[in-house]
Amino acid sequence: MGKLSDEQKANLSEEVIAKAMQCETPEQLVELAKSEGIELTLEKI
């Protein structure tokens, strides 16, 4: 799995973490990350 920077970790709210846990596919996780301004690709997962 790709690593988040310290700044990205600090900006993850409980709400975003809960949404990430609900993702059923890697593609959904990538889309969520994108909507939150986090760079994530399927290759990084």
Protein backbone atom coordinates (compact mmCIF):
# COMPACT_ATOMS: atom_id res chain seq x y z
CA MET A 1 0.00 0.00 0.00
CA GLY A 2 1.22 3.51 -0.74
CA LYS A 3 2.49 5.61 2.12
CA LEU A 4 0.93 8.89 3.12
CA SER A 5 3.01 11.90 4.04
CA ASP A 6 2.80 13.16 7.61
CA GLU A 7 0.74 16.11 6.36
CA GLN A 8 -1.74 13.82 4.61
CA LYS A 9 -2.07 11.66 7.73
CA ALA A 10 -2.75 14.73 9.86
CA ASN A 11 -5.49 15.85 7.47
CA LEU A 12 -7.40 12.56 7.47
CA SER A 13 -10.58 13.04 9.41
CA GLU A 14 -12.48 10.24 11.07
CA GLU A 15 -15.15 10.80 8.40
CA VAL A 16 -12.70 10.21 5.55
CA ILE A 17 -11.30 7.12 7.26
CA ALA A 18 -14.83 5.76 7.71
CA LYS A 19 -15.58 6.40 4.02
CA ALA A 20 -12.35 4.65 3.01
CA MET A 21 -13.31 1.60 5.04
CA GLN A 22 -16.60 1.43 3.13
CA CYS A 23 -14.91 1.27 -0.28
CA GLU A 24 -15.51 -2.11 -1.88
CA THR A 25 -12.99 -1.81 -4.71
CA PRO A 26 -9.56 -0.26 -5.15
CA GLU A 27 -11.06 2.03 -7.78
CA GLN A 28 -13.54 3.43 -5.24
CA LEU A 29 -10.65 4.10 -2.85
CA VAL A 30 -8.72 5.93 -5.57
CA GLU A 31 -11.78 8.08 -6.36
CA LEU A 32 -12.29 8.89 -2.67
CA ALA A 33 -8.65 9.86 -2.30
CA LYS A 34 -8.88 12.06 -5.39
CA SER A 35 -11.97 13.82 -4.02
CA GLU A 36 -10.03 14.52 -0.81
CA GLY A 37 -6.99 15.89 -2.63
CA ILE A 38 -4.81 12.86 -1.93
CA GLU A 39 -2.73 11.47 -4.78
CA LEU A 40 -3.34 7.72 -4.95
CA THR A 41 -3.12 5.35 -7.89
CA LEU A 42 -3.97 1.68 -8.28
CA GLU A 43 -0.24 1.01 -8.50
CA LYS A 44 0.25 2.50 -5.03
CA ILE A 45 -2.40 0.31 -3.43
